[in-house]
Amino acid sequence: MKKLLMTLFGCALLASCGTVQVPFYSWYDSEDAAYQYTKKLTEEDKAKAMEQYKKVIEKQKGSRATVPPGANAEYGYMLIKSGKKEEGLALLKAEMELYPESKTFISRIVNQLEK
């Protein structure tokens, strides 16, 4: 009986080691792309960063299945700077809805842009 219990305990222990943890969010390569853009400020790097943010927002595979904090705001701000004000404002508002704690900061930006 003791051997059976030890065997079951050992199997349970080994089975628990094999679990794969899924991250909360899928960031893809957005951090690196944003860093490269802020480092060099080239149009090519800007396009890459915007493409990565778009991918993060549209193809979220993390365990929360929602856009990570700040991604909507970052991409929205980049769209505004690129002349796509309405799209950018929509993303800033989406950030405030998903993460109400960001409202204090982002609402000021939205109010200034809507004037």
N, C-alpha and C. Protein backbone atom coordinates (compact mmCIF):
# COMPACT_ATOMS: atom_id res chain seq x y z
N MET A 1 0.82 -1.19 0.00
CA MET A 1 0.00 0.00 0.00
C MET A 1 0.88 1.26 0.00
N LYS A 2 1.96 1.20 0.78
CA LYS A 2 2.85 2.34 0.87
C LYS A 2 3.52 2.61 -0.48
N LYS A 3 3.90 1.54 -1.20
CA LYS A 3 4.52 1.69 -2.52
C LYS A 3 3.54 2.32 -3.51
N LEU A 4 2.28 1.90 -3.43
CA LEU A 4 1.25 2.45 -4.32
C LEU A 4 1.06 3.95 -4.09
N LEU A 5 1.00 4.35 -2.83
CA LEU A 5 0.85 5.76 -2.51
C LEU A 5 2.05 6.57 -2.96
N MET A 6 3.23 6.04 -2.78
CA MET A 6 4.45 6.74 -3.21
C MET A 6 4.49 6.85 -4.74
N THR A 7 4.06 5.80 -5.42
CA THR A 7 4.03 5.82 -6.88
C THR A 7 3.03 6.86 -7.37
N LEU A 8 1.85 6.90 -6.78
CA LEU A 8 0.84 7.89 -7.17
C LEU A 8 1.33 9.31 -6.88
N PHE A 9 1.95 9.49 -5.74
CA PHE A 9 2.50 10.80 -5.39
C PHE A 9 3.58 11.22 -6.39
N GLY A 10 4.44 10.28 -6.76
CA GLY A 10 5.50 10.57 -7.73
C GLY A 10 4.94 10.93 -9.10
N CYS A 11 3.90 10.20 -9.52
CA CYS A 11 3.27 10.50 -10.81
C CYS A 11 2.62 11.88 -10.79
N ALA A 12 1.95 12.19 -9.69
CA ALA A 12 1.31 13.50 -9.58
C ALA A 12 2.34 14.61 -9.59
N LEU A 13 3.45 14.38 -8.93
CA LEU A 13 4.52 15.37 -8.88
C LEU A 13 5.10 15.60 -10.28
N LEU A 14 5.35 14.54 -11.00
CA LEU A 14 5.90 14.66 -12.35
C LEU A 14 4.90 15.31 -13.30
N ALA A 15 3.64 14.99 -13.14
CA ALA A 15 2.62 15.57 -14.01
C ALA A 15 2.50 17.07 -13.80
N SER A 16 2.69 17.52 -12.59
CA SER A 16 2.58 18.95 -12.31
C SER A 16 3.76 19.72 -12.89
N CYS A 17 4.87 19.07 -13.10
CA CYS A 17 6.05 19.75 -13.65
C CYS A 17 5.90 20.01 -15.14
N GLY A 18 5.03 19.29 -15.79
CA GLY A 18 4.91 19.41 -17.23
C GLY A 18 3.93 20.46 -17.70
N THR A 19 3.34 21.22 -16.81
CA THR A 19 2.37 22.21 -17.24
C THR A 19 3.07 23.40 -17.89
N VAL A 20 2.46 23.91 -18.93
CA VAL A 20 2.99 25.05 -19.65
C VAL A 20 2.15 26.27 -19.27
N GLN A 21 2.81 27.27 -18.79
CA GLN A 21 2.08 28.48 -18.41
C GLN A 21 1.95 29.40 -19.62
N VAL A 22 0.73 29.82 -19.87
CA VAL A 22 0.45 30.75 -20.96
C VAL A 22 0.53 32.16 -20.39
N PRO A 23 1.27 33.05 -21.03
CA PRO A 23 1.37 34.41 -20.51
C PRO A 23 0.02 35.13 -20.59
N PHE A 24 -0.16 36.15 -19.76
CA PHE A 24 -1.40 36.92 -19.77
C PHE A 24 -1.66 37.56 -21.13
N TYR A 25 -0.61 38.09 -21.75
CA TYR A 25 -0.76 38.83 -23.00
C TYR A 25 0.25 38.34 -24.02
N SER A 26 -0.10 38.51 -25.29
CA SER A 26 0.84 38.26 -26.39
C SER A 26 1.39 39.62 -26.83
N TRP A 27 2.67 39.82 -26.59
CA TRP A 27 3.28 41.10 -26.95
C TRP A 27 3.93 41.05 -28.33
N TYR A 28 4.08 39.83 -28.86
CA TYR A 28 4.79 39.61 -30.11
C TYR A 28 6.15 40.30 -30.01
N ASP A 29 6.48 41.19 -30.92
CA ASP A 29 7.79 41.84 -30.87
C ASP A 29 7.63 43.35 -30.71
N SER A 30 6.53 43.76 -30.08
CA SER A 30 6.23 45.20 -30.02
C SER A 30 7.22 45.99 -29.17
N GLU A 31 7.72 45.40 -28.09
CA GLU A 31 8.65 46.14 -27.25
C GLU A 31 9.93 46.50 -28.01
N ASP A 32 10.47 45.52 -28.73
CA ASP A 32 11.69 45.75 -29.49
C ASP A 32 11.44 46.75 -30.62
N ALA A 33 10.31 46.60 -31.30
CA ALA A 33 9.99 47.51 -32.40
C ALA A 33 9.84 48.95 -31.89
N ALA A 34 9.17 49.12 -30.76
CA ALA A 34 8.99 50.46 -30.18
C ALA A 34 10.34 51.03 -29.74
N TYR A 35 11.18 50.19 -29.17
CA TYR A 35 12.50 50.65 -28.74
C TYR A 35 13.33 51.11 -29.95
N GLN A 36 13.32 50.31 -31.02
CA GLN A 36 14.09 50.67 -32.21
C GLN A 36 13.59 51.99 -32.81
N TYR A 37 12.27 52.17 -32.78
CA TYR A 37 11.71 53.42 -33.32
C TYR A 37 12.14 54.62 -32.48
N THR A 38 12.04 54.51 -31.16
CA THR A 38 12.42 55.65 -30.32
C THR A 38 13.92 55.91 -30.35
N LYS A 39 14.69 54.88 -30.64
CA LYS A 39 16.14 55.02 -30.71
C LYS A 39 16.57 55.72 -32.00
N LYS A 40 15.95 55.35 -33.13
CA LYS A 40 16.40 55.86 -34.43
C LYS A 40 15.46 56.90 -35.05
N LEU A 41 14.18 56.85 -34.72
CA LEU A 41 13.16 57.76 -35.24
C LEU A 41 13.08 57.77 -36.78
N THR A 42 13.25 56.61 -37.40
CA THR A 42 13.12 56.53 -38.85
C THR A 42 11.69 56.11 -39.20
N GLU A 43 11.28 56.44 -40.42
CA GLU A 43 9.93 56.07 -40.87
C GLU A 43 9.79 54.55 -40.98
N GLU A 44 10.85 53.88 -41.33
CA GLU A 44 10.82 52.41 -41.44
C GLU A 44 10.58 51.78 -40.06
N ASP A 45 11.28 52.27 -39.06
CA ASP A 45 11.09 51.75 -37.71
C ASP A 45 9.72 52.11 -37.15
N LYS A 46 9.24 53.28 -37.52
CA LYS A 46 7.89 53.69 -37.10
C LYS A 46 6.85 52.74 -37.69
N ALA A 47 7.00 52.41 -38.97
CA ALA A 47 6.06 51.50 -39.63
C ALA A 47 6.10 50.12 -38.98
N LYS A 48 7.30 49.64 -38.63
CA LYS A 48 7.42 48.34 -37.96
C LYS A 48 6.75 48.35 -36.59
N ALA A 49 6.97 49.42 -35.84
CA ALA A 49 6.37 49.53 -34.51
C ALA A 49 4.85 49.57 -34.61
N MET A 50 4.33 50.33 -35.56
CA MET A 50 2.88 50.42 -35.72
C MET A 50 2.29 49.08 -36.14
N GLU A 51 3.02 48.37 -37.00
CA GLU A 51 2.57 47.04 -37.43
C GLU A 51 2.51 46.06 -36.25
N GLN A 52 3.51 46.12 -35.38
CA GLN A 52 3.54 45.23 -34.22
C GLN A 52 2.42 45.57 -33.24
N TYR A 53 2.19 46.86 -33.00
CA TYR A 53 1.09 47.24 -32.11
C TYR A 53 -0.26 46.79 -32.66
N LYS A 54 -0.41 46.92 -33.96
CA LYS A 54 -1.66 46.48 -34.59
C LYS A 54 -1.85 44.98 -34.39
N LYS A 55 -0.77 44.24 -34.53
CA LYS A 55 -0.82 42.78 -34.33
C LYS A 55 -1.17 42.44 -32.89
N VAL A 56 -0.58 43.16 -31.93
CA VAL A 56 -0.86 42.93 -30.51
C VAL A 56 -2.34 43.16 -30.22
N ILE A 57 -2.91 44.18 -30.83
CA ILE A 57 -4.31 44.53 -30.58
C ILE A 57 -5.26 43.56 -31.27
N GLU A 58 -4.96 43.18 -32.50
CA GLU A 58 -5.89 42.35 -33.27
C GLU A 58 -5.74 40.85 -33.04
N LYS A 59 -4.57 40.39 -32.69
CA LYS A 59 -4.33 38.94 -32.59
C LYS A 59 -3.84 38.57 -31.20
N GLN A 60 -4.65 38.83 -30.21
CA GLN A 60 -4.26 38.56 -28.83
C GLN A 60 -4.46 37.08 -28.48
N LYS A 61 -3.37 36.40 -28.12
CA LYS A 61 -3.42 34.98 -27.80
C LYS A 61 -3.08 34.69 -26.35
N GLY A 62 -2.98 35.71 -25.53
CA GLY A 62 -2.65 35.51 -24.12
C GLY A 62 -3.81 34.90 -23.37
N SER A 63 -3.56 34.46 -22.15
CA SER A 63 -4.60 33.80 -21.37
C SER A 63 -5.74 34.75 -21.00
N ARG A 64 -5.49 36.04 -20.95
CA ARG A 64 -6.56 37.00 -20.66
C ARG A 64 -7.38 37.31 -21.91
N ALA A 65 -6.83 37.03 -23.08
CA ALA A 65 -7.50 37.26 -24.36
C ALA A 65 -7.99 38.70 -24.51
N THR A 66 -7.21 39.64 -24.02
CA THR A 66 -7.52 41.06 -24.16
C THR A 66 -6.24 41.82 -24.44
N VAL A 67 -6.40 43.02 -24.89
CA VAL A 67 -5.25 43.86 -25.25
C VAL A 67 -4.48 44.23 -23.97
N PRO A 68 -3.16 44.14 -24.00
CA PRO A 68 -2.35 44.48 -22.81
C PRO A 68 -2.48 45.95 -22.45
N PRO A 69 -2.23 46.28 -21.19
CA PRO A 69 -2.29 47.67 -20.77
C PRO A 69 -1.31 48.54 -21.54
N GLY A 70 -1.80 49.65 -22.02
CA GLY A 70 -0.95 50.60 -22.73
C GLY A 70 -0.84 50.40 -24.22
N ALA A 71 -1.18 49.23 -24.73
CA ALA A 71 -1.02 48.96 -26.17
C ALA A 71 -1.95 49.84 -27.00
N ASN A 72 -3.22 49.94 -26.61
CA ASN A 72 -4.14 50.81 -27.34
C ASN A 72 -3.67 52.25 -27.30
N ALA A 73 -3.21 52.69 -26.14
CA ALA A 73 -2.76 54.08 -25.99
C ALA A 73 -1.53 54.36 -26.85
N GLU A 74 -0.57 53.46 -26.81
CA GLU A 74 0.66 53.65 -27.61
C GLU A 74 0.35 53.70 -29.10
N TYR A 75 -0.43 52.73 -29.56
CA TYR A 75 -0.76 52.67 -30.99
C TYR A 75 -1.63 53.86 -31.37
N GLY A 76 -2.58 54.21 -30.51
CA GLY A 76 -3.44 55.36 -30.79
C GLY A 76 -2.64 56.65 -30.90
N TYR A 77 -1.69 56.83 -30.01
CA TYR A 77 -0.87 58.04 -30.05
C TYR A 77 -0.02 58.07 -31.33
N MET A 78 0.49 56.92 -31.73
CA MET A 78 1.28 56.88 -32.96
C MET A 78 0.39 57.19 -34.18
N LEU A 79 -0.85 56.72 -34.17
CA LEU A 79 -1.76 57.03 -35.26
C LEU A 79 -2.06 58.53 -35.32
N ILE A 80 -2.27 59.13 -34.16
CA ILE A 80 -2.53 60.57 -34.10
C ILE A 80 -1.35 61.35 -34.67
N LYS A 81 -0.14 60.96 -34.26
CA LYS A 81 1.07 61.62 -34.76
C LYS A 81 1.25 61.42 -36.26
N SER A 82 0.64 60.36 -36.81
CA SER A 82 0.73 60.08 -38.24
C SER A 82 -0.40 60.73 -39.03
N GLY A 83 -1.26 61.49 -38.35
CA GLY A 83 -2.34 62.18 -39.04
C GLY A 83 -3.67 61.45 -39.05
N LYS A 84 -3.76 60.32 -38.37
CA LYS A 84 -5.00 59.55 -38.32
C LYS A 84 -5.67 59.79 -36.96
N LYS A 85 -6.15 61.03 -36.80
CA LYS A 85 -6.65 61.48 -35.52
C LYS A 85 -7.85 60.68 -35.02
N GLU A 86 -8.84 60.42 -35.86
CA GLU A 86 -10.06 59.73 -35.43
C GLU A 86 -9.77 58.30 -34.98
N GLU A 87 -8.93 57.59 -35.75
CA GLU A 87 -8.56 56.22 -35.37
C GLU A 87 -7.80 56.22 -34.04
N GLY A 88 -6.90 57.18 -33.89
CA GLY A 88 -6.12 57.28 -32.67
C GLY A 88 -6.97 57.60 -31.45
N LEU A 89 -7.91 58.52 -31.62
CA LEU A 89 -8.82 58.86 -30.51
C LEU A 89 -9.66 57.66 -30.10
N ALA A 90 -10.10 56.88 -31.08
CA ALA A 90 -10.90 55.69 -30.77
C ALA A 90 -10.09 54.70 -29.93
N LEU A 91 -8.81 54.55 -30.24
CA LEU A 91 -7.96 53.64 -29.47
C LEU A 91 -7.67 54.18 -28.07
N LEU A 92 -7.50 55.49 -27.96
CA LEU A 92 -7.29 56.08 -26.63
C LEU A 92 -8.53 55.86 -25.76
N LYS A 93 -9.70 56.01 -26.35
CA LYS A 93 -10.94 55.78 -25.61
C LYS A 93 -11.10 54.30 -25.24
N ALA A 94 -10.67 53.42 -26.15
CA ALA A 94 -10.71 51.98 -25.86
C ALA A 94 -9.79 51.64 -24.69
N GLU A 95 -8.65 52.31 -24.61
CA GLU A 95 -7.72 52.10 -23.50
C GLU A 95 -8.38 52.48 -22.17
N MET A 96 -9.10 53.60 -22.17
CA MET A 96 -9.76 54.04 -20.94
C MET A 96 -10.87 53.07 -20.53
N GLU A 97 -11.55 52.46 -21.51
CA GLU A 97 -12.60 51.50 -21.18
C GLU A 97 -12.02 50.21 -20.61
N LEU A 98 -10.96 49.71 -21.23
CA LEU A 98 -10.35 48.46 -20.76
C LEU A 98 -9.65 48.64 -19.42
N TYR A 99 -9.00 49.77 -19.25
CA TYR A 99 -8.22 50.01 -18.05
C TYR A 99 -8.63 51.36 -17.44
N PRO A 100 -9.68 51.37 -16.62
CA PRO A 100 -10.21 52.62 -16.05
C PRO A 100 -9.17 53.44 -15.28
N GLU A 101 -8.15 52.79 -14.77
CA GLU A 101 -7.11 53.52 -14.03
C GLU A 101 -6.33 54.47 -14.93
N SER A 102 -6.39 54.26 -16.24
CA SER A 102 -5.68 55.13 -17.17
C SER A 102 -6.48 56.38 -17.52
N LYS A 103 -7.73 56.42 -17.10
CA LYS A 103 -8.62 57.52 -17.48
C LYS A 103 -8.10 58.88 -17.04
N THR A 104 -7.54 58.97 -15.85
CA THR A 104 -7.03 60.24 -15.33
C THR A 104 -6.02 60.87 -16.29
N PHE A 105 -5.13 60.07 -16.81
CA PHE A 105 -4.09 60.58 -17.70
C PHE A 105 -4.59 60.74 -19.13
N ILE A 106 -5.21 59.71 -19.66
CA ILE A 106 -5.59 59.71 -21.08
C ILE A 106 -6.74 60.67 -21.37
N SER A 107 -7.64 60.86 -20.43
CA SER A 107 -8.77 61.77 -20.68
C SER A 107 -8.29 63.20 -20.96
N ARG A 108 -7.20 63.59 -20.34
CA ARG A 108 -6.64 64.93 -20.62
C ARG A 108 -6.17 65.03 -22.07
N ILE A 109 -5.52 64.00 -22.53
CA ILE A 109 -5.04 63.99 -23.92
C ILE A 109 -6.23 64.02 -24.88
N VAL A 110 -7.23 63.19 -24.61
CA VAL A 110 -8.42 63.13 -25.47
C VAL A 110 -9.12 64.48 -25.50
N ASN A 111 -9.28 65.10 -24.33
CA ASN A 111 -9.95 66.41 -24.27
C ASN A 111 -9.20 67.47 -25.07
N GLN A 112 -7.88 67.45 -25.02
CA GLN A 112 -7.09 68.42 -25.79
C GLN A 112 -7.22 68.17 -27.29
N LEU A 113 -7.27 66.91 -27.69
CA LEU A 113 -7.35 66.59 -29.11
C LEU A 113 -8.74 66.83 -29.69
N GLU A 114 -9.75 66.77 -28.85
CA GLU A 114 -11.11 66.96 -29.33
C GLU A 114 -11.52 68.44 -29.43
N LYS A 115 -10.67 69.32 -28.92
CA LYS A 115 -10.97 70.76 -28.98
C LYS A 115 -10.86 71.28 -30.39
